């Protein structure tokens, strides 16, 4: 099972979800999207697997979002582009297994992908 874990090590929820997977001995490929921001195409691919819209990936209470001048009704392509420039705005963690993905909020939600 190939598990991709889109991780922000400064986020407690992200660390907790990673801990749950490691406790179960799951092999995890950690992708530090802060160090290496996701591309527009990668974000679109994740959105398709998540079954969500771009607005659902945005941490809209962050100062970077307010400073962008955009709102959650903005065109999805613009919101995706914002995430490529400001990766800290990405909801986290995101776990991807095969054709499925989920946002690990609460952290226990990542376990749903295992079953």
Protein backbone atom coordinates (compact mmCIF):
# COMPACT_ATOMS: atom_id res chain seq x y z
CA UNK A 1 0.00 0.00 0.00
CA UNK A 2 1.51 3.31 -1.11
CA UNK A 3 0.50 6.08 1.29
CA UNK A 4 1.36 9.67 0.40
CA UNK A 5 1.16 12.00 3.37
CA UNK A 6 1.11 15.74 2.59
CA UNK A 7 2.63 17.07 5.78
CA UNK A 8 3.28 20.34 7.59
CA UNK A 9 5.48 19.44 10.54
CA UNK A 10 4.43 22.61 12.38
CA UNK A 11 0.79 21.47 12.46
CA UNK A 12 -0.34 19.43 15.48
CA UNK A 13 -3.14 17.72 13.51
CA UNK A 14 -0.69 16.71 10.82
CA UNK A 15 1.75 15.28 13.36
CA UNK A 16 -1.07 13.42 15.12
CA UNK A 17 -2.37 11.85 11.90
CA UNK A 18 1.16 10.79 10.92
CA UNK A 19 1.57 9.24 14.36
CA UNK A 20 -1.60 7.18 13.90
CA UNK A 21 -0.29 5.73 10.64
CA UNK A 22 3.14 5.01 12.10
CA UNK A 23 1.60 3.32 15.18
CA UNK A 24 0.00 0.88 12.77
CA UNK A 25 3.31 0.25 11.01
CA UNK A 26 2.12 1.76 7.76
CA UNK A 27 4.82 2.73 5.25
CA UNK A 28 4.33 6.42 4.56
CA UNK A 29 5.86 8.66 1.90
CA UNK A 30 6.03 12.08 3.54
CA UNK A 31 5.65 15.05 1.23
CA UNK A 32 6.66 18.32 2.88
CA UNK A 33 4.53 20.67 0.82
CA UNK A 34 5.89 23.71 2.68
CA UNK A 35 9.46 22.99 1.51
CA UNK A 36 8.30 21.84 -1.93
CA UNK A 37 4.95 23.49 -2.75
CA UNK A 38 2.53 21.46 -4.83
CA UNK A 39 1.99 22.46 -8.44
CA UNK A 40 -1.30 23.55 -9.92
CA UNK A 41 -1.63 20.14 -11.59
CA UNK A 42 -0.85 18.23 -8.40
CA UNK A 43 -3.48 20.21 -6.51
CA UNK A 44 -6.08 19.58 -9.23
CA UNK A 45 -5.30 15.85 -9.09
CA UNK A 46 -5.72 15.83 -5.30
CA UNK A 47 -8.97 17.77 -5.54
CA UNK A 48 -10.36 15.13 -7.90
CA UNK A 49 -9.42 12.35 -5.47
CA UNK A 50 -10.81 14.30 -2.53
CA UNK A 51 -14.05 15.09 -4.37
CA UNK A 52 -13.74 18.70 -3.22
CA UNK A 53 -13.57 22.19 -4.70
CA UNK A 54 -10.53 24.43 -4.40
CA UNK A 55 -12.29 26.55 -1.79
CA UNK A 56 -12.46 23.48 0.47
CA UNK A 57 -8.64 23.26 0.60
CA UNK A 58 -8.16 26.87 1.74
CA UNK A 59 -7.44 27.79 5.34
CA UNK A 60 -9.47 30.97 4.96
CA UNK A 61 -8.78 32.38 8.43
CA UNK A 62 -5.05 32.77 7.75
CA UNK A 63 -3.62 36.30 7.21
CA UNK A 64 -2.18 35.31 3.81
CA UNK A 65 -5.68 34.59 2.55
CA UNK A 66 -7.01 37.95 3.74
CA UNK A 67 -4.01 39.70 2.19
CA UNK A 68 -4.64 38.00 -1.16
CA UNK A 69 -7.82 40.02 -1.71
CA UNK A 70 -9.61 36.83 -2.81
CA UNK A 71 -12.65 35.24 -1.25
CA UNK A 72 -14.01 31.71 -1.21
CA UNK A 73 -16.25 32.47 -4.20
CA UNK A 74 -13.19 33.22 -6.34
CA UNK A 75 -12.61 31.03 -9.38
CA UNK A 76 -11.10 27.69 -8.39
CA UNK A 77 -8.08 28.13 -10.66
CA UNK A 78 -7.16 31.34 -8.85
CA UNK A 79 -7.50 29.67 -5.46
CA UNK A 80 -5.32 26.79 -6.61
CA UNK A 81 -2.72 29.26 -7.83
CA UNK A 82 -2.84 30.96 -4.42
CA UNK A 83 -2.05 27.60 -2.79
CA UNK A 84 1.01 27.20 -5.01
CA UNK A 85 2.31 30.59 -3.82
CA UNK A 86 1.22 30.26 -0.17
CA UNK A 87 1.32 26.54 0.71
CA UNK A 88 0.59 27.28 4.38
CA UNK A 89 -3.00 27.96 3.29
CA UNK A 90 -3.53 24.29 2.41
CA UNK A 91 -5.79 22.30 4.72
CA UNK A 92 -3.75 19.56 6.35
CA UNK A 93 -2.84 16.88 6.47
CA UNK A 94 -3.89 15.26 3.23
CA UNK A 95 -3.47 11.51 2.88
CA UNK A 96 -3.59 9.83 -0.51
CA UNK A 97 -3.87 6.10 -1.11
CA UNK A 98 -4.37 4.98 -4.68
CA UNK A 99 -7.46 6.61 -6.14
CA UNK A 100 -8.67 8.00 -2.81
CA UNK A 101 -7.64 10.83 -0.51
CA UNK A 102 -8.87 12.61 2.59
CA UNK A 103 -8.10 15.60 4.75
CA UNK A 104 -7.06 14.33 8.19
CA UNK A 105 -9.27 16.58 10.28
CA UNK A 106 -9.78 15.10 12.77
CA UNK A 107 -6.57 13.05 12.56
CA UNK A 108 -8.45 9.75 13.00
CA UNK A 109 -10.11 10.34 9.65
CA UNK A 110 -6.95 9.11 7.87
CA UNK A 111 -7.66 5.63 9.22
CA UNK A 112 -10.82 5.47 7.08
CA UNK A 113 -8.65 5.15 3.99
CA UNK A 114 -6.99 2.00 5.36
CA UNK A 115 -10.13 -0.10 5.52
